[in-house]
Amino acid sequence: MTQRAVIVFSGGQNSTTCFIQAIKQYNEVHCITFNYTQRHSAEIVAAQKICQHFNIAAHKILDVGLLNELAISSLTRDNIPIPSYEKKY
């Protein structure tokens, strides 16, 4: 019996940890990555490379850029500066 898992996979550290656990526990792993047109899309590239390396059955990247119209954030808009959080002692 084939055991399957679907992983929401950003390509970042947390989802990669879940991904590695899933490929150990399931015969077939499918991944979904959400592209909300964030500033740093390096994680999406990492997700693609990791899925290719492990020969994942399916990896779909869903464009959810429309959400940027609803949730304004410095992570998705170039005209909004990213706040600096420096420690002050």
PDB file of N, CA and C in Angstrom:
ATOM      1  N   MET A   1       0.834  -1.177   0.000  1.00  0.00           N
ATOM      2  CA  MET A   1       0.000   0.000   0.000  1.00  0.00           C
ATOM      3  C   MET A   1       0.887   1.251   0.000  1.00  0.00           C
ATOM      4  N   THR A   2       0.626   2.154  -0.937  1.00  0.00           N
ATOM      5  CA  THR A   2       1.408   3.373  -1.037  1.00  0.00           C
ATOM      6  C   THR A   2       0.896   4.402  -0.042  1.00  0.00           C
ATOM      7  N   GLN A   3       1.790   4.890   0.773  1.00  0.00           N
ATOM      8  CA  GLN A   3       1.447   5.953   1.704  1.00  0.00           C
ATOM      9  C   GLN A   3       1.940   7.268   1.111  1.00  0.00           C
ATOM     10  N   ARG A   4       1.019   8.229   1.016  1.00  0.00           N
ATOM     11  CA  ARG A   4       1.333   9.502   0.382  1.00  0.00           C
ATOM     12  C   ARG A   4       1.230  10.641   1.383  1.00  0.00           C
ATOM     13  N   ALA A   5       2.042  11.675   1.123  1.00  0.00           N
ATOM     14  CA  ALA A   5       1.987  12.890   1.942  1.00  0.00           C
ATOM     15  C   ALA A   5       1.997  14.102   1.019  1.00  0.00           C
ATOM     16  N   VAL A   6       1.312  15.148   1.441  1.00  0.00           N
ATOM     17  CA  VAL A   6       1.349  16.433   0.757  1.00  0.00           C
ATOM     18  C   VAL A   6       1.976  17.417   1.728  1.00  0.00           C
ATOM     19  N   ILE A   7       3.037  18.084   1.282  1.00  0.00           N
ATOM     20  CA  ILE A   7       3.785  19.003   2.123  1.00  0.00           C
ATOM     21  C   ILE A   7       3.648  20.412   1.564  1.00  0.00           C
ATOM     22  N   VAL A   8       3.312  21.371   2.430  1.00  0.00           N
ATOM     23  CA  VAL A   8       3.399  22.780   2.057  1.00  0.00           C
ATOM     24  C   VAL A   8       4.858  23.143   2.248  1.00  0.00           C
ATOM     25  N   PHE A   9       5.529  23.400   1.135  1.00  0.00           N
ATOM     26  CA  PHE A   9       6.980  23.473   1.129  1.00  0.00           C
ATOM     27  C   PHE A   9       7.470  24.810   0.599  1.00  0.00           C
ATOM     28  N   SER A  10       7.924  25.674   1.500  1.00  0.00           N
ATOM     29  CA  SER A  10       8.414  26.998   1.095  1.00  0.00           C
ATOM     30  C   SER A  10       9.858  26.946   0.629  1.00  0.00           C
ATOM     31  N   GLY A  11      10.595  25.931   1.049  1.00  0.00           N
ATOM     32  CA  GLY A  11      12.018  25.869   0.758  1.00  0.00           C
ATOM     33  C   GLY A  11      12.853  26.458   1.875  1.00  0.00           C
ATOM     34  N   GLY A  12      12.193  26.981   2.898  1.00  0.00           N
ATOM     35  CA  GLY A  12      12.892  27.516   4.058  1.00  0.00           C
ATOM     36  C   GLY A  12      13.282  26.408   5.028  1.00  0.00           C
ATOM     37  N   GLN A  13      13.923  26.808   6.094  1.00  0.00           N
ATOM     38  CA  GLN A  13      14.473  25.849   7.052  1.00  0.00           C
ATOM     39  C   GLN A  13      13.391  24.986   7.713  1.00  0.00           C
ATOM     40  N   ASN A  14      12.301  25.580   8.146  1.00  0.00           N
ATOM     41  CA  ASN A  14      11.261  24.810   8.842  1.00  0.00           C
ATOM     42  C   ASN A  14      10.573  23.813   7.924  1.00  0.00           C
ATOM     43  N   SER A  15      10.168  24.262   6.751  1.00  0.00           N
ATOM     44  CA  SER A  15       9.457  23.338   5.868  1.00  0.00           C
ATOM     45  C   SER A  15      10.393  22.273   5.300  1.00  0.00           C
ATOM     46  N   THR A  16      11.676  22.585   5.158  1.00  0.00           N
ATOM     47  CA  THR A  16      12.629  21.570   4.701  1.00  0.00           C
ATOM     48  C   THR A  16      12.786  20.481   5.753  1.00  0.00           C
ATOM     49  N   THR A  17      12.761  20.853   7.020  1.00  0.00           N
ATOM     50  CA  THR A  17      12.818  19.861   8.099  1.00  0.00           C
ATOM     51  C   THR A  17      11.605  18.931   8.022  1.00  0.00           C
ATOM     52  N   CYS A  18      10.425  19.492   7.814  1.00  0.00           N
ATOM     53  CA  CYS A  18       9.207  18.669   7.664  1.00  0.00           C
ATOM     54  C   CYS A  18       9.297  17.791   6.423  1.00  0.00           C
ATOM     55  N   PHE A  19       9.829  18.349   5.348  1.00  0.00           N
ATOM     56  CA  PHE A  19       9.991  17.624   4.103  1.00  0.00           C
ATOM     57  C   PHE A  19      10.879  16.385   4.303  1.00  0.00           C
ATOM     58  N   ILE A  20      12.023  16.568   4.947  1.00  0.00           N
ATOM     59  CA  ILE A  20      12.948  15.454   5.187  1.00  0.00           C
ATOM     60  C   ILE A  20      12.277  14.365   6.024  1.00  0.00           C
ATOM     61  N   GLN A  21      11.515  14.779   7.020  1.00  0.00           N
ATOM     62  CA  GLN A  21      10.781  13.809   7.847  1.00  0.00           C
ATOM     63  C   GLN A  21       9.767  13.050   6.997  1.00  0.00           C
ATOM     64  N   ALA A  22       9.080  13.755   6.116  1.00  0.00           N
ATOM     65  CA  ALA A  22       8.055  13.121   5.275  1.00  0.00           C
ATOM     66  C   ALA A  22       8.656  12.099   4.317  1.00  0.00           C
ATOM     67  N   ILE A  23       9.801  12.422   3.700  1.00  0.00           N
ATOM     68  CA  ILE A  23      10.360  11.455   2.750  1.00  0.00           C
ATOM     69  C   ILE A  23      10.876  10.201   3.449  1.00  0.00           C
ATOM     70  N   LYS A  24      11.119  10.315   4.758  1.00  0.00           N
ATOM     71  CA  LYS A  24      11.507   9.123   5.524  1.00  0.00           C
ATOM     72  C   LYS A  24      10.298   8.262   5.881  1.00  0.00           C
ATOM     73  N   GLN A  25       9.128   8.899   6.049  1.00  0.00           N
ATOM     74  CA  GLN A  25       7.947   8.189   6.536  1.00  0.00           C
ATOM     75  C   GLN A  25       6.978   7.746   5.448  1.00  0.00           C
ATOM     76  N   TYR A  26       7.037   8.369   4.269  1.00  0.00           N
ATOM     77  CA  TYR A  26       6.040   8.090   3.232  1.00  0.00           C
ATOM     78  C   TYR A  26       6.713   7.617   1.955  1.00  0.00           C
ATOM     79  N   ASN A  27       5.991   6.775   1.212  1.00  0.00           N
ATOM     80  CA  ASN A  27       6.504   6.254  -0.051  1.00  0.00           C
ATOM     81  C   ASN A  27       6.473   7.301  -1.152  1.00  0.00           C
ATOM     82  N   GLU A  28       5.510   8.196  -1.074  1.00  0.00           N
ATOM     83  CA  GLU A  28       5.316   9.187  -2.134  1.00  0.00           C
ATOM     84  C   GLU A  28       5.025  10.537  -1.497  1.00  0.00           C
ATOM     85  N   VAL A  29       5.797  11.544  -1.892  1.00  0.00           N
ATOM     86  CA  VAL A  29       5.630  12.883  -1.332  1.00  0.00           C
ATOM     87  C   VAL A  29       5.330  13.857  -2.458  1.00  0.00           C
ATOM     88  N   HIS A  30       4.319  14.672  -2.249  1.00  0.00           N
ATOM     89  CA  HIS A  30       3.940  15.744  -3.176  1.00  0.00           C
ATOM     90  C   HIS A  30       4.121  17.060  -2.432  1.00  0.00           C
ATOM     91  N   CYS A  31       4.610  18.082  -3.134  1.00  0.00           N
ATOM     92  CA  CYS A  31       4.875  19.375  -2.492  1.00  0.00           C
ATOM     93  C   CYS A  31       4.100  20.499  -3.180  1.00  0.00           C
ATOM     94  N   ILE A  32       3.658  21.437  -2.359  1.00  0.00           N
ATOM     95  CA  ILE A  32       2.998  22.652  -2.837  1.00  0.00           C
ATOM     96  C   ILE A  32       3.773  23.835  -2.288  1.00  0.00           C
ATOM     97  N   THR A  33       4.144  24.754  -3.168  1.00  0.00           N
ATOM     98  CA  THR A  33       4.825  25.978  -2.773  1.00  0.00           C
ATOM     99  C   THR A  33       3.948  27.152  -3.192  1.00  0.00           C
ATOM    100  N   PHE A  34       3.751  28.094  -2.283  1.00  0.00           N
ATOM    101  CA  PHE A  34       2.945  29.275  -2.574  1.00  0.00           C
ATOM    102  C   PHE A  34       3.866  30.434  -2.933  1.00  0.00           C
ATOM    103  N   ASN A  35       3.675  30.978  -4.119  1.00  0.00           N
ATOM    104  CA  ASN A  35       4.445  32.134  -4.560  1.00  0.00           C
ATOM    105  C   ASN A  35       3.554  33.368  -4.408  1.00  0.00           C
ATOM    106  N   TYR A  36       3.811  34.130  -3.370  1.00  0.00           N
ATOM    107  CA  TYR A  36       3.034  35.355  -3.164  1.00  0.00           C
ATOM    108  C   TYR A  36       3.848  36.574  -3.563  1.00  0.00           C
ATOM    109  N   THR A  37       4.763  36.369  -4.497  1.00  0.00           N
ATOM    110  CA  THR A  37       5.656  37.393  -5.050  1.00  0.00           C
ATOM    111  C   THR A  37       6.394  38.165  -3.962  1.00  0.00           C
ATOM    112  N   GLN A  38       6.918  37.409  -3.012  1.00  0.00           N
ATOM    113  CA  GLN A  38       7.692  38.007  -1.929  1.00  0.00           C
ATOM    114  C   GLN A  38       9.014  38.541  -2.446  1.00  0.00           C
ATOM    115  N   ARG A  39       9.619  39.421  -1.677  1.00  0.00           N
ATOM    116  CA  ARG A  39      10.890  40.029  -2.090  1.00  0.00           C
ATOM    117  C   ARG A  39      11.986  38.987  -2.265  1.00  0.00           C
ATOM    118  N   HIS A  40      12.094  38.083  -1.359  1.00  0.00           N
ATOM    119  CA  HIS A  40      13.162  37.095  -1.398  1.00  0.00           C
ATOM    120  C   HIS A  40      12.611  35.771  -1.900  1.00  0.00           C
ATOM    121  N   SER A  41      12.705  35.584  -3.184  1.00  0.00           N
ATOM    122  CA  SER A  41      12.170  34.360  -3.781  1.00  0.00           C
ATOM    123  C   SER A  41      13.195  33.230  -3.808  1.00  0.00           C
ATOM    124  N   ALA A  42      14.311  33.418  -3.125  1.00  0.00           N
ATOM    125  CA  ALA A  42      15.354  32.378  -3.101  1.00  0.00           C
ATOM    126  C   ALA A  42      14.834  31.074  -2.509  1.00  0.00           C
ATOM    127  N   GLU A  43      13.873  31.169  -1.581  1.00  0.00           N
ATOM    128  CA  GLU A  43      13.334  29.945  -0.979  1.00  0.00           C
ATOM    129  C   GLU A  43      12.588  29.108  -2.018  1.00  0.00           C
ATOM    130  N   ILE A  44      11.922  29.753  -2.951  1.00  0.00           N
ATOM    131  CA  ILE A  44      11.204  29.007  -3.990  1.00  0.00           C
ATOM    132  C   ILE A  44      12.204  28.259  -4.868  1.00  0.00           C
ATOM    133  N   VAL A  45      13.293  28.905  -5.211  1.00  0.00           N
ATOM    134  CA  VAL A  45      14.343  28.252  -5.998  1.00  0.00           C
ATOM    135  C   VAL A  45      14.913  27.071  -5.207  1.00  0.00           C
ATOM    136  N   ALA A  46      15.124  27.271  -3.915  1.00  0.00           N
ATOM    137  CA  ALA A  46      15.631  26.180  -3.071  1.00  0.00           C
ATOM    138  C   ALA A  46      14.642  25.013  -3.050  1.00  0.00           C
ATOM    139  N   ALA A  47      13.355  25.315  -2.930  1.00  0.00           N
ATOM    140  CA  ALA A  47      12.333  24.261  -2.920  1.00  0.00           C
ATOM    141  C   ALA A  47      12.375  23.464  -4.222  1.00  0.00           C
ATOM    142  N   GLN A  48      12.520  24.157  -5.344  1.00  0.00           N
ATOM    143  CA  GLN A  48      12.590  23.466  -6.640  1.00  0.00           C
ATOM    144  C   GLN A  48      13.797  22.541  -6.701  1.00  0.00           C
ATOM    145  N   LYS A  49      14.939  23.041  -6.272  1.00  0.00           N
ATOM    146  CA  LYS A  49      16.164  22.237  -6.327  1.00  0.00           C
ATOM    147  C   LYS A  49      16.087  21.029  -5.406  1.00  0.00           C
ATOM    148  N   ILE A  50      15.534  21.217  -4.218  1.00  0.00           N
ATOM    149  CA  ILE A  50      15.410  20.103  -3.260  1.00  0.00           C
ATOM    150  C   ILE A  50      14.471  19.040  -3.813  1.00  0.00           C
ATOM    151  N   CYS A  51      13.355  19.461  -4.386  1.00  0.00           N
ATOM    152  CA  CYS A  51      12.400  18.493  -4.952  1.00  0.00           C
ATOM    153  C   CYS A  51      13.015  17.733  -6.116  1.00  0.00           C
ATOM    154  N   GLN A  52      13.783  18.424  -6.945  1.00  0.00           N
ATOM    155  CA  GLN A  52      14.460  17.747  -8.061  1.00  0.00           C
ATOM    156  C   GLN A  52      15.486  16.746  -7.536  1.00  0.00           C
ATOM    157  N   HIS A  53      16.234  17.153  -6.527  1.00  0.00           N
ATOM    158  CA  HIS A  53      17.272  16.277  -5.965  1.00  0.00           C
ATOM    159  C   HIS A  53      16.684  14.973  -5.431  1.00  0.00           C
ATOM    160  N   PHE A  54      15.529  15.073  -4.780  1.00  0.00           N
ATOM    161  CA  PHE A  54      14.918  13.892  -4.174  1.00  0.00           C
ATOM    162  C   PHE A  54      13.885  13.222  -5.082  1.00  0.00           C
ATOM    163  N   ASN A  55      13.797  13.642  -6.338  1.00  0.00           N
ATOM    164  CA  ASN A  55      12.852  13.047  -7.297  1.00  0.00           C
ATOM    165  C   ASN A  55      11.429  12.977  -6.748  1.00  0.00           C
ATOM    166  N   ILE A  56      10.944  14.097  -6.267  1.00  0.00           N
ATOM    167  CA  ILE A  56       9.600  14.162  -5.694  1.00  0.00           C
ATOM    168  C   ILE A  56       8.564  13.936  -6.794  1.00  0.00           C
ATOM    169  N   ALA A  57       7.514  13.194  -6.457  1.00  0.00           N
ATOM    170  CA  ALA A  57       6.486  12.828  -7.433  1.00  0.00           C
ATOM    171  C   ALA A  57       5.873  14.055  -8.104  1.00  0.00           C
ATOM    172  N   ALA A  58       5.585  15.087  -7.332  1.00  0.00           N
ATOM    173  CA  ALA A  58       5.002  16.306  -7.894  1.00  0.00           C
ATOM    174  C   ALA A  58       5.353  17.495  -7.006  1.00  0.00           C
ATOM    175  N   HIS A  59       5.713  18.589  -7.648  1.00  0.00           N
ATOM    176  CA  HIS A  59       5.954  19.839  -6.942  1.00  0.00           C
ATOM    177  C   HIS A  59       5.255  20.938  -7.730  1.00  0.00           C
ATOM    178  N   LYS A  60       4.234  21.505  -7.149  1.00  0.00           N
ATOM    179  CA  LYS A  60       3.456  22.558  -7.800  1.00  0.00           C
ATOM    180  C   LYS A  60       3.719  23.882  -7.098  1.00  0.00           C
ATOM    181  N   ILE A  61       3.944  24.908  -7.880  1.00  0.00           N
ATOM    182  CA  ILE A  61       4.115  26.255  -7.349  1.00  0.00           C
ATOM    183  C   ILE A  61       2.865  27.042  -7.724  1.00  0.00           C
ATOM    184  N   LEU A  62       2.130  27.466  -6.703  1.00  0.00           N
ATOM    185  CA  LEU A  62       0.874  28.177  -6.930  1.00  0.00           C
ATOM    186  C   LEU A  62       1.088  29.676  -6.789  1.00  0.00           C
ATOM    187  N   ASP A  63       0.677  30.424  -7.790  1.00  0.00           N
ATOM    188  CA  ASP A  63       0.781  31.876  -7.773  1.00  0.00           C
ATOM    189  C   ASP A  63      -0.386  32.441  -6.974  1.00  0.00           C
ATOM    190  N   VAL A  64      -0.065  33.003  -5.837  1.00  0.00           N
ATOM    191  CA  VAL A  64      -1.096  33.632  -4.996  1.00  0.00           C
ATOM    192  C   VAL A  64      -0.762  35.114  -4.800  1.00  0.00           C
ATOM    193  N   GLY A  65      -0.147  35.708  -5.831  1.00  0.00           N
ATOM    194  CA  GLY A  65       0.227  37.108  -5.786  1.00  0.00           C
ATOM    195  C   GLY A  65      -0.946  38.037  -5.573  1.00  0.00           C
ATOM    196  N   LEU A  66      -2.142  37.584  -5.907  1.00  0.00           N
ATOM    197  CA  LEU A  66      -3.343  38.382  -5.693  1.00  0.00           C
ATOM    198  C   LEU A  66      -3.513  38.757  -4.226  1.00  0.00           C
ATOM    199  N   LEU A  67      -3.002  37.925  -3.334  1.00  0.00           N
ATOM    200  CA  LEU A  67      -3.117  38.212  -1.900  1.00  0.00           C
ATOM    201  C   LEU A  67      -2.405  39.503  -1.517  1.00  0.00           C
ATOM    202  N   ASN A  68      -1.441  39.937  -2.333  1.00  0.00           N
ATOM    203  CA  ASN A  68      -0.737  41.190  -2.059  1.00  0.00           C
ATOM    204  C   ASN A  68      -1.677  42.389  -2.085  1.00  0.00           C
ATOM    205  N   GLU A  69      -2.757  42.267  -2.820  1.00  0.00           N
ATOM    206  CA  GLU A  69      -3.737  43.354  -2.863  1.00  0.00           C
ATOM    207  C   GLU A  69      -4.521  43.433  -1.560  1.00  0.00           C
ATOM    208  N   LEU A  70      -4.592  42.338  -0.838  1.00  0.00           N
ATOM    209  CA  LEU A  70      -5.363  42.279   0.405  1.00  0.00           C
ATOM    210  C   LEU A  70      -4.504  42.488   1.644  1.00  0.00           C
ATOM    211  N   ALA A  71      -3.273  42.053   1.589  1.00  0.00           N
ATOM    212  CA  ALA A  71      -2.382  42.128   2.752  1.00  0.00           C
ATOM    213  C   ALA A  71      -1.121  42.890   2.366  1.00  0.00           C
ATOM    214  N   ILE A  72      -1.076  44.149   2.703  1.00  0.00           N
ATOM    215  CA  ILE A  72       0.063  44.986   2.355  1.00  0.00           C
ATOM    216  C   ILE A  72       1.178  44.737   3.363  1.00  0.00           C
ATOM    217  N   SER A  73       2.380  44.444   2.843  1.00  0.00           N
ATOM    218  CA  SER A  73       3.496  44.079   3.705  1.00  0.00           C
ATOM    219  C   SER A  73       4.809  44.523   3.081  1.00  0.00           C
ATOM    220  N   SER A  74       5.787  44.804   3.917  1.00  0.00           N
ATOM    221  CA  SER A  74       7.119  45.147   3.410  1.00  0.00           C
ATOM    222  C   SER A  74       7.794  43.943   2.767  1.00  0.00           C
ATOM    223  N   LEU A  75       7.293  42.755   3.024  1.00  0.00           N
ATOM    224  CA  LEU A  75       7.869  41.560   2.406  1.00  0.00           C
ATOM    225  C   LEU A  75       7.449  41.407   0.955  1.00  0.00           C
ATOM    226  N   THR A  76       6.340  42.058   0.587  1.00  0.00           N
ATOM    227  CA  THR A  76       5.818  41.890  -0.763  1.00  0.00           C
ATOM    228  C   THR A  76       5.786  43.178  -1.569  1.00  0.00           C
ATOM    229  N   ARG A  77       6.053  44.295  -0.941  1.00  0.00           N
ATOM    230  CA  ARG A  77       6.010  45.574  -1.650  1.00  0.00           C
ATOM    231  C   ARG A  77       7.362  46.256  -1.596  1.00  0.00           C
ATOM    232  N   ASP A  78       7.893  46.586  -2.755  1.00  0.00           N
ATOM    233  CA  ASP A  78       9.194  47.257  -2.826  1.00  0.00           C
ATOM    234  C   ASP A  78       9.163  48.680  -2.282  1.00  0.00           C
ATOM    235  N   ASN A  79       8.008  49.317  -2.302  1.00  0.00           N
ATOM    236  CA  ASN A  79       7.918  50.707  -1.847  1.00  0.00           C
ATOM    237  C   ASN A  79       7.738  50.844  -0.336  1.00  0.00           C
ATOM    238  N   ILE A  80       7.699  49.725   0.383  1.00  0.00           N
ATOM    239  CA  ILE A  80       7.597  49.755   1.848  1.00  0.00           C
ATOM    240  C   ILE A  80       8.923  49.257   2.409  1.00  0.00           C
ATOM    241  N   PRO A  81       9.629  50.105   3.166  1.00  0.00           N
ATOM    242  CA  PRO A  81      10.933  49.665   3.699  1.00  0.00           C
ATOM    243  C   PRO A  81      10.776  48.544   4.725  1.00  0.00           C
ATOM    244  N   ILE A  82      11.771  47.674   4.774  1.00  0.00           N
ATOM    245  CA  ILE A  82      11.799  46.614   5.773  1.00  0.00           C
ATOM    246  C   ILE A  82      12.310  47.229   7.070  1.00  0.00           C
ATOM    247  N   PRO A  83      11.543  47.113   8.145  1.00  0.00           N
ATOM    248  CA  PRO A  83      11.970  47.725   9.415  1.00  0.00           C
ATOM    249  C   PRO A  83      13.264  47.101   9.942  1.00  0.00           C
ATOM    250  N   SER A  84      14.031  47.914  10.619  1.00  0.00           N
ATOM    251  CA  SER A  84      15.267  47.446  11.248  1.00  0.00           C
ATOM    252  C   SER A  84      15.008  47.237  12.724  1.00  0.00           C
ATOM    253  N   TYR A  85      15.399  46.098  13.220  1.00  0.00           N
ATOM    254  CA  TYR A  85      15.211  45.778  14.631  1.00  0.00           C
ATOM    255  C   TYR A  85      16.575  45.548  15.251  1.00  0.00           C
ATOM    256  N   GLU A  86      17.247  46.626  15.575  1.00  0.00           N
ATOM    257  CA  GLU A  86      18.564  46.529  16.189  1.00  0.00           C
ATOM    258  C   GLU A  86      18.413  46.445  17.695  1.00  0.00           C
ATOM    259  N   LYS A  87      19.224  45.605  18.299  1.00  0.00           N
ATOM    260  CA  LYS A  87      19.209  45.484  19.758  1.00  0.00           C
ATOM    261  C   LYS A  87      19.867  46.723  20.356  1.00  0.00           C
ATOM    262  N   LYS A  88      19.250  47.265  21.368  1.00  0.00           N
ATOM    263  CA  LYS A  88      19.803  48.427  22.055  1.00  0.00           C
ATOM    264  C   LYS A  88      20.090  48.020  23.497  1.00  0.00           C
ATOM    265  N   TYR A  89      21.307  48.241  23.894  1.00  0.00           N
ATOM    266  CA  TYR A  89      21.715  47.849  25.252  1.00  0.00           C
ATOM    267  C   TYR A  89      21.927  49.064  26.092  1.00  0.00           C
TER     268      TYR A  89
END
